[in-house]
Amino acid sequence: MHNVFHVSQLRKYVPDSSATVDLESIELEPNMTFQPQPVQIVDQDVRNLRNRSIPVVKVMWEGSPEGEATWELESEMLEHY
């Protein structure tokens, strides 16, 4: 994976006034970073890459909108949480 993307992947931003963030509810670390905590494992799957099988889990994060879960490596989730 690369940390870049092609300009064709961009879409126009449409402002949504209902998607506001209450600043008092965000707890920042002393170095001014925010690390969300996992709330729930929504789904799990096994990704097959050539000759390897990689278990992944779909994680719902604290403070994220409903339906915005992300796929994370199961091994990393077990290690960190």
PDB file of N, CA and C in Angstrom:
ATOM      1  N   MET A   1       0.833  -1.190   0.000  1.00  0.00           N
ATOM      2  CA  MET A   1       0.000   0.000   0.000  1.00  0.00           C
ATOM      3  C   MET A   1       0.868   1.240   0.000  1.00  0.00           C
ATOM      4  N   HIS A   2       0.357   2.281  -0.631  1.00  0.00           N
ATOM      5  CA  HIS A   2       1.069   3.549  -0.666  1.00  0.00           C
ATOM      6  C   HIS A   2       0.259   4.601   0.081  1.00  0.00           C
ATOM      7  N   ASN A   3       0.934   5.606   0.596  1.00  0.00           N
ATOM      8  CA  ASN A   3       0.228   6.666   1.320  1.00  0.00           C
ATOM      9  C   ASN A   3      -0.135   7.833   0.397  1.00  0.00           C
ATOM     10  N   VAL A   4      -0.314   7.551  -0.875  1.00  0.00           N
ATOM     11  CA  VAL A   4      -0.728   8.558  -1.848  1.00  0.00           C
ATOM     12  C   VAL A   4      -1.942   8.029  -2.613  1.00  0.00           C
ATOM     13  N   PHE A   5      -2.647   8.913  -3.261  1.00  0.00           N
ATOM     14  CA  PHE A   5      -3.776   8.497  -4.083  1.00  0.00           C
ATOM     15  C   PHE A   5      -3.851   9.395  -5.310  1.00  0.00           C
ATOM     16  N   HIS A   6      -4.526   8.921  -6.327  1.00  0.00           N
ATOM     17  CA  HIS A   6      -4.650   9.658  -7.580  1.00  0.00           C
ATOM     18  C   HIS A   6      -5.759  10.699  -7.467  1.00  0.00           C
ATOM     19  N   VAL A   7      -5.583  11.811  -8.158  1.00  0.00           N
ATOM     20  CA  VAL A   7      -6.546  12.905  -8.108  1.00  0.00           C
ATOM     21  C   VAL A   7      -7.929  12.454  -8.578  1.00  0.00           C
ATOM     22  N   SER A   8      -8.018  11.421  -9.396  1.00  0.00           N
ATOM     23  CA  SER A   8      -9.317  10.940  -9.868  1.00  0.00           C
ATOM     24  C   SER A   8     -10.155  10.337  -8.735  1.00  0.00           C
ATOM     25  N   GLN A   9      -9.524  10.041  -7.593  1.00  0.00           N
ATOM     26  CA  GLN A   9     -10.237   9.488  -6.446  1.00  0.00           C
ATOM     27  C   GLN A   9     -10.920  10.564  -5.594  1.00  0.00           C
ATOM     28  N   LEU A  10     -10.657  11.835  -5.878  1.00  0.00           N
ATOM     29  CA  LEU A  10     -11.238  12.931  -5.110  1.00  0.00           C
ATOM     30  C   LEU A  10     -12.676  13.191  -5.534  1.00  0.00           C
ATOM     31  N   ARG A  11     -13.487  13.595  -4.564  1.00  0.00           N
ATOM     32  CA  ARG A  11     -14.865  13.994  -4.831  1.00  0.00           C
ATOM     33  C   ARG A  11     -15.114  15.361  -4.211  1.00  0.00           C
ATOM     34  N   LYS A  12     -16.065  16.079  -4.737  1.00  0.00           N
ATOM     35  CA  LYS A  12     -16.392  17.394  -4.217  1.00  0.00           C
ATOM     36  C   LYS A  12     -16.937  17.258  -2.797  1.00  0.00           C
ATOM     37  N   TYR A  13     -16.478  18.129  -1.890  1.00  0.00           N
ATOM     38  CA  TYR A  13     -16.960  18.133  -0.518  1.00  0.00           C
ATOM     39  C   TYR A  13     -18.314  18.811  -0.453  1.00  0.00           C
ATOM     40  N   VAL A  14     -19.278  18.129   0.146  1.00  0.00           N
ATOM     41  CA  VAL A  14     -20.601  18.692   0.352  1.00  0.00           C
ATOM     42  C   VAL A  14     -20.762  18.908   1.848  1.00  0.00           C
ATOM     43  N   PRO A  15     -20.832  20.178   2.316  1.00  0.00           N
ATOM     44  CA  PRO A  15     -20.934  20.437   3.752  1.00  0.00           C
ATOM     45  C   PRO A  15     -22.208  19.849   4.339  1.00  0.00           C
ATOM     46  N   ASP A  16     -22.081  19.310   5.543  1.00  0.00           N
ATOM     47  CA  ASP A  16     -23.214  18.723   6.255  1.00  0.00           C
ATOM     48  C   ASP A  16     -23.244  19.337   7.650  1.00  0.00           C
ATOM     49  N   SER A  17     -24.212  20.214   7.894  1.00  0.00           N
ATOM     50  CA  SER A  17     -24.270  20.922   9.175  1.00  0.00           C
ATOM     51  C   SER A  17     -24.602  19.995  10.340  1.00  0.00           C
ATOM     52  N   SER A  18     -25.152  18.817  10.075  1.00  0.00           N
ATOM     53  CA  SER A  18     -25.475  17.892  11.159  1.00  0.00           C
ATOM     54  C   SER A  18     -24.255  17.109  11.633  1.00  0.00           C
ATOM     55  N   ALA A  19     -23.144  17.187  10.910  1.00  0.00           N
ATOM     56  CA  ALA A  19     -21.932  16.440  11.273  1.00  0.00           C
ATOM     57  C   ALA A  19     -20.962  17.335  12.037  1.00  0.00           C
ATOM     58  N   THR A  20     -21.398  17.854  13.166  1.00  0.00           N
ATOM     59  CA  THR A  20     -20.533  18.707  13.979  1.00  0.00           C
ATOM     60  C   THR A  20     -19.905  17.896  15.096  1.00  0.00           C
ATOM     61  N   VAL A  21     -18.767  18.369  15.584  1.00  0.00           N
ATOM     62  CA  VAL A  21     -18.053  17.692  16.653  1.00  0.00           C
ATOM     63  C   VAL A  21     -18.037  18.599  17.876  1.00  0.00           C
ATOM     64  N   ASP A  22     -18.484  18.082  19.011  1.00  0.00           N
ATOM     65  CA  ASP A  22     -18.452  18.825  20.257  1.00  0.00           C
ATOM     66  C   ASP A  22     -17.025  18.802  20.793  1.00  0.00           C
ATOM     67  N   LEU A  23     -16.361  19.955  20.814  1.00  0.00           N
ATOM     68  CA  LEU A  23     -14.955  20.013  21.188  1.00  0.00           C
ATOM     69  C   LEU A  23     -14.692  19.610  22.632  1.00  0.00           C
ATOM     70  N   GLU A  24     -15.656  19.786  23.530  1.00  0.00           N
ATOM     71  CA  GLU A  24     -15.456  19.393  24.924  1.00  0.00           C
ATOM     72  C   GLU A  24     -15.398  17.876  25.084  1.00  0.00           C
ATOM     73  N   SER A  25     -15.976  17.122  24.145  1.00  0.00           N
ATOM     74  CA  SER A  25     -16.015  15.665  24.273  1.00  0.00           C
ATOM     75  C   SER A  25     -14.727  14.998  23.788  1.00  0.00           C
ATOM     76  N   ILE A  26     -13.835  15.755  23.135  1.00  0.00           N
ATOM     77  CA  ILE A  26     -12.592  15.181  22.633  1.00  0.00           C
ATOM     78  C   ILE A  26     -11.511  15.300  23.699  1.00  0.00           C
ATOM     79  N   GLU A  27     -10.928  14.163  24.069  1.00  0.00           N
ATOM     80  CA  GLU A  27      -9.858  14.158  25.053  1.00  0.00           C
ATOM     81  C   GLU A  27      -8.525  14.025  24.329  1.00  0.00           C
ATOM     82  N   LEU A  28      -7.724  15.087  24.366  1.00  0.00           N
ATOM     83  CA  LEU A  28      -6.437  15.091  23.690  1.00  0.00           C
ATOM     84  C   LEU A  28      -5.344  14.552  24.600  1.00  0.00           C
ATOM     85  N   GLU A  29      -4.359  13.909  23.978  1.00  0.00           N
ATOM     86  CA  GLU A  29      -3.176  13.452  24.697  1.00  0.00           C
ATOM     87  C   GLU A  29      -2.321  14.676  25.033  1.00  0.00           C
ATOM     88  N   PRO A  30      -1.366  14.546  25.963  1.00  0.00           N
ATOM     89  CA  PRO A  30      -0.496  15.692  26.294  1.00  0.00           C
ATOM     90  C   PRO A  30       0.270  16.252  25.092  1.00  0.00           C
ATOM     91  N   ASN A  31       0.555  15.420  24.090  1.00  0.00           N
ATOM     92  CA  ASN A  31       1.262  15.915  22.901  1.00  0.00           C
ATOM     93  C   ASN A  31       0.287  16.407  21.825  1.00  0.00           C
ATOM     94  N   MET A  32      -0.955  16.706  22.213  1.00  0.00           N
ATOM     95  CA  MET A  32      -1.993  17.274  21.356  1.00  0.00           C
ATOM     96  C   MET A  32      -2.433  16.347  20.225  1.00  0.00           C
ATOM     97  N   THR A  33      -2.434  15.048  20.454  1.00  0.00           N
ATOM     98  CA  THR A  33      -2.947  14.087  19.486  1.00  0.00           C
ATOM     99  C   THR A  33      -4.210  13.446  20.039  1.00  0.00           C
ATOM    100  N   PHE A  34      -4.986  12.850  19.167  1.00  0.00           N
ATOM    101  CA  PHE A  34      -6.227  12.180  19.553  1.00  0.00           C
ATOM    102  C   PHE A  34      -6.158  10.733  19.102  1.00  0.00           C
ATOM    103  N   GLN A  35      -6.329   9.811  20.018  1.00  0.00           N
ATOM    104  CA  GLN A  35      -6.305   8.385  19.696  1.00  0.00           C
ATOM    105  C   GLN A  35      -7.675   7.789  20.048  1.00  0.00           C
ATOM    106  N   PRO A  36      -8.549   7.566  19.048  1.00  0.00           N
ATOM    107  CA  PRO A  36      -9.858   6.988  19.343  1.00  0.00           C
ATOM    108  C   PRO A  36      -9.733   5.546  19.837  1.00  0.00           C
ATOM    109  N   GLN A  37     -10.660   5.139  20.667  1.00  0.00           N
ATOM    110  CA  GLN A  37     -10.673   3.790  21.207  1.00  0.00           C
ATOM    111  C   GLN A  37     -11.717   2.952  20.465  1.00  0.00           C
ATOM    112  N   PRO A  38     -11.445   1.665  20.269  1.00  0.00           N
ATOM    113  CA  PRO A  38     -12.441   0.807  19.614  1.00  0.00           C
ATOM    114  C   PRO A  38     -13.640   0.584  20.543  1.00  0.00           C
ATOM    115  N   VAL A  39     -14.822   0.593  19.955  1.00  0.00           N
ATOM    116  CA  VAL A  39     -16.047   0.398  20.721  1.00  0.00           C
ATOM    117  C   VAL A  39     -16.582  -1.015  20.524  1.00  0.00           C
ATOM    118  N   GLN A  40     -16.529  -1.489  19.275  1.00  0.00           N
ATOM    119  CA  GLN A  40     -17.165  -2.765  18.960  1.00  0.00           C
ATOM    120  C   GLN A  40     -16.531  -3.372  17.711  1.00  0.00           C
ATOM    121  N   ILE A  41     -16.439  -4.697  17.700  1.00  0.00           N
ATOM    122  CA  ILE A  41     -16.033  -5.430  16.503  1.00  0.00           C
ATOM    123  C   ILE A  41     -17.327  -5.758  15.752  1.00  0.00           C
ATOM    124  N   VAL A  42     -17.470  -5.209  14.563  1.00  0.00           N
ATOM    125  CA  VAL A  42     -18.706  -5.353  13.793  1.00  0.00           C
ATOM    126  C   VAL A  42     -18.703  -6.626  12.947  1.00  0.00           C
ATOM    127  N   ASP A  43     -17.539  -6.962  12.383  1.00  0.00           N
ATOM    128  CA  ASP A  43     -17.456  -8.101  11.473  1.00  0.00           C
ATOM    129  C   ASP A  43     -16.021  -8.603  11.453  1.00  0.00           C
ATOM    130  N   GLN A  44     -15.827  -9.809  10.963  1.00  0.00           N
ATOM    131  CA  GLN A  44     -14.478 -10.318  10.767  1.00  0.00           C
ATOM    132  C   GLN A  44     -14.423 -11.094   9.472  1.00  0.00           C
ATOM    133  N   ASP A  45     -13.212 -11.164   8.895  1.00  0.00           N
ATOM    134  CA  ASP A  45     -13.038 -11.775   7.594  1.00  0.00           C
ATOM    135  C   ASP A  45     -11.600 -12.263   7.489  1.00  0.00           C
ATOM    136  N   VAL A  46     -11.329 -13.059   6.468  1.00  0.00           N
ATOM    137  CA  VAL A  46      -9.971 -13.506   6.178  1.00  0.00           C
ATOM    138  C   VAL A  46      -9.660 -13.100   4.748  1.00  0.00           C
ATOM    139  N   ARG A  47      -8.621 -12.282   4.588  1.00  0.00           N
ATOM    140  CA  ARG A  47      -8.197 -11.837   3.265  1.00  0.00           C
ATOM    141  C   ARG A  47      -7.124 -12.796   2.764  1.00  0.00           C
ATOM    142  N   ASN A  48      -7.296 -13.299   1.565  1.00  0.00           N
ATOM    143  CA  ASN A  48      -6.332 -14.232   0.978  1.00  0.00           C
ATOM    144  C   ASN A  48      -5.450 -13.493  -0.022  1.00  0.00           C
ATOM    145  N   LEU A  49      -4.149 -13.492   0.253  1.00  0.00           N
ATOM    146  CA  LEU A  49      -3.172 -12.858  -0.619  1.00  0.00           C
ATOM    147  C   LEU A  49      -2.161 -13.908  -1.054  1.00  0.00           C
ATOM    148  N   ARG A  50      -2.202 -14.279  -2.301  1.00  0.00           N
ATOM    149  CA  ARG A  50      -1.323 -15.302  -2.869  1.00  0.00           C
ATOM    150  C   ARG A  50      -1.280 -16.546  -2.009  1.00  0.00           C
ATOM    151  N   ASN A  51      -0.253 -16.702  -1.184  1.00  0.00           N
ATOM    152  CA  ASN A  51      -0.146 -17.923  -0.385  1.00  0.00           C
ATOM    153  C   ASN A  51      -0.322 -17.651   1.110  1.00  0.00           C
ATOM    154  N   ARG A  52      -0.919 -16.497   1.462  1.00  0.00           N
ATOM    155  CA  ARG A  52      -1.133 -16.165   2.871  1.00  0.00           C
ATOM    156  C   ARG A  52      -2.592 -15.833   3.114  1.00  0.00           C
ATOM    157  N   SER A  53      -3.045 -16.154   4.315  1.00  0.00           N
ATOM    158  CA  SER A  53      -4.378 -15.761   4.765  1.00  0.00           C
ATOM    159  C   SER A  53      -4.209 -14.787   5.919  1.00  0.00           C
ATOM    160  N   ILE A  54      -4.821 -13.610   5.802  1.00  0.00           N
ATOM    161  CA  ILE A  54      -4.666 -12.571   6.813  1.00  0.00           C
ATOM    162  C   ILE A  54      -6.028 -12.294   7.449  1.00  0.00           C
ATOM    163  N   PRO A  55      -6.172 -12.582   8.756  1.00  0.00           N
ATOM    164  CA  PRO A  55      -7.443 -12.282   9.431  1.00  0.00           C
ATOM    165  C   PRO A  55      -7.577 -10.783   9.709  1.00  0.00           C
ATOM    166  N   VAL A  56      -8.741 -10.220   9.387  1.00  0.00           N
ATOM    167  CA  VAL A  56      -9.023  -8.806   9.628  1.00  0.00           C
ATOM    168  C   VAL A  56     -10.362  -8.688  10.346  1.00  0.00           C
ATOM    169  N   VAL A  57     -10.535  -7.567  11.062  1.00  0.00           N
ATOM    170  CA  VAL A  57     -11.790  -7.292  11.764  1.00  0.00           C
ATOM    171  C   VAL A  57     -12.269  -5.891  11.399  1.00  0.00           C
ATOM    172  N   LYS A  58     -13.574  -5.716  11.369  1.00  0.00           N
ATOM    173  CA  LYS A  58     -14.170  -4.412  11.091  1.00  0.00           C
ATOM    174  C   LYS A  58     -14.501  -3.779  12.442  1.00  0.00           C
ATOM    175  N   VAL A  59     -13.893  -2.615  12.710  1.00  0.00           N
ATOM    176  CA  VAL A  59     -13.959  -1.994  14.028  1.00  0.00           C
ATOM    177  C   VAL A  59     -14.761  -0.702  13.983  1.00  0.00           C
ATOM    178  N   MET A  60     -15.699  -0.559  14.938  1.00  0.00           N
ATOM    179  CA  MET A  60     -16.417   0.696  15.133  1.00  0.00           C
ATOM    180  C   MET A  60     -15.640   1.477  16.183  1.00  0.00           C
ATOM    181  N   TRP A  61     -15.259   2.721  15.853  1.00  0.00           N
ATOM    182  CA  TRP A  61     -14.427   3.540  16.721  1.00  0.00           C
ATOM    183  C   TRP A  61     -15.259   4.529  17.510  1.00  0.00           C
ATOM    184  N   GLU A  62     -14.759   4.884  18.680  1.00  0.00           N
ATOM    185  CA  GLU A  62     -15.394   5.852  19.568  1.00  0.00           C
ATOM    186  C   GLU A  62     -15.481   7.211  18.871  1.00  0.00           C
ATOM    187  N   GLY A  63     -16.659   7.799  18.846  1.00  0.00           N
ATOM    188  CA  GLY A  63     -16.845   9.126  18.270  1.00  0.00           C
ATOM    189  C   GLY A  63     -17.056   9.161  16.775  1.00  0.00           C
ATOM    190  N   SER A  64     -16.961   8.027  16.090  1.00  0.00           N
ATOM    191  CA  SER A  64     -17.175   8.035  14.643  1.00  0.00           C
ATOM    192  C   SER A  64     -18.652   7.812  14.338  1.00  0.00           C
ATOM    193  N   PRO A  65     -19.132   8.369  13.240  1.00  0.00           N
ATOM    194  CA  PRO A  65     -20.545   8.204  12.878  1.00  0.00           C
ATOM    195  C   PRO A  65     -20.902   6.739  12.607  1.00  0.00           C
ATOM    196  N   GLU A  66     -22.165   6.432  12.737  1.00  0.00           N
ATOM    197  CA  GLU A  66     -22.665   5.075  12.473  1.00  0.00           C
ATOM    198  C   GLU A  66     -22.356   4.694  11.033  1.00  0.00           C
ATOM    199  N   GLY A  67     -21.844   3.503  10.816  1.00  0.00           N
ATOM    200  CA  GLY A  67     -21.544   3.029   9.478  1.00  0.00           C
ATOM    201  C   GLY A  67     -20.154   3.407   8.985  1.00  0.00           C
ATOM    202  N   GLU A  68     -19.336   4.030   9.818  1.00  0.00           N
ATOM    203  CA  GLU A  68     -17.986   4.407   9.408  1.00  0.00           C
ATOM    204  C   GLU A  68     -16.955   3.550  10.132  1.00  0.00           C
ATOM    205  N   ALA A  69     -17.156   2.251  10.108  1.00  0.00           N
ATOM    206  CA  ALA A  69     -16.199   1.325  10.701  1.00  0.00           C
ATOM    207  C   ALA A  69     -15.062   1.087   9.712  1.00  0.00           C
ATOM    208  N   THR A  70     -13.898   0.694  10.232  1.00  0.00           N
ATOM    209  CA  THR A  70     -12.739   0.455   9.374  1.00  0.00           C
ATOM    210  C   THR A  70     -12.246  -0.971   9.544  1.00  0.00           C
ATOM    211  N   TRP A  71     -11.634  -1.498   8.481  1.00  0.00           N
ATOM    212  CA  TRP A  71     -11.038  -2.831   8.532  1.00  0.00           C
ATOM    213  C   TRP A  71      -9.626  -2.702   9.083  1.00  0.00           C
ATOM    214  N   GLU A  72      -9.318  -3.472  10.117  1.00  0.00           N
ATOM    215  CA  GLU A  72      -8.003  -3.454  10.752  1.00  0.00           C
ATOM    216  C   GLU A  72      -7.479  -4.881  10.843  1.00  0.00           C
ATOM    217  N   LEU A  73      -6.168  -5.021  10.900  1.00  0.00           N
ATOM    218  CA  LEU A  73      -5.570  -6.340  11.083  1.00  0.00           C
ATOM    219  C   LEU A  73      -5.914  -6.865  12.476  1.00  0.00           C
ATOM    220  N   GLU A  74      -6.353  -8.107  12.525  1.00  0.00           N
ATOM    221  CA  GLU A  74      -6.728  -8.708  13.800  1.00  0.00           C
ATOM    222  C   GLU A  74      -5.534  -8.763  14.752  1.00  0.00           C
ATOM    223  N   SER A  75      -4.358  -9.068  14.233  1.00  0.00           N
ATOM    224  CA  SER A  75      -3.163  -9.166  15.070  1.00  0.00           C
ATOM    225  C   SER A  75      -2.821  -7.824  15.713  1.00  0.00           C
ATOM    226  N   GLU A  76      -2.969  -6.723  14.965  1.00  0.00           N
ATOM    227  CA  GLU A  76      -2.686  -5.405  15.525  1.00  0.00           C
ATOM    228  C   GLU A  76      -3.701  -5.020  16.584  1.00  0.00           C
ATOM    229  N   MET A  77      -4.956  -5.358  16.373  1.00  0.00           N
ATOM    230  CA  MET A  77      -5.984  -5.056  17.362  1.00  0.00           C
ATOM    231  C   MET A  77      -5.739  -5.827  18.664  1.00  0.00           C
ATOM    232  N   LEU A  78      -5.356  -7.088  18.540  1.00  0.00           N
ATOM    233  CA  LEU A  78      -5.060  -7.888  19.724  1.00  0.00           C
ATOM    234  C   LEU A  78      -3.843  -7.345  20.468  1.00  0.00           C
ATOM    235  N   GLU A  79      -2.861  -6.876  19.719  1.00  0.00           N
ATOM    236  CA  GLU A  79      -1.632  -6.358  20.318  1.00  0.00           C
ATOM    237  C   GLU A  79      -1.871  -5.035  21.068  1.00  0.00           C
ATOM    238  N   HIS A  80      -2.655  -4.134  20.468  1.00  0.00           N
ATOM    239  CA  HIS A  80      -2.852  -2.805  21.051  1.00  0.00           C
ATOM    240  C   HIS A  80      -4.006  -2.739  22.045  1.00  0.00           C
ATOM    241  N   TYR A  81      -5.031  -3.551  21.871  1.00  0.00           N
ATOM    242  CA  TYR A  81      -6.202  -3.439  22.730  1.00  0.00           C
ATOM    243  C   TYR A  81      -6.523  -4.764  23.363  1.00  0.00           C
TER     244      TYR A  81
END
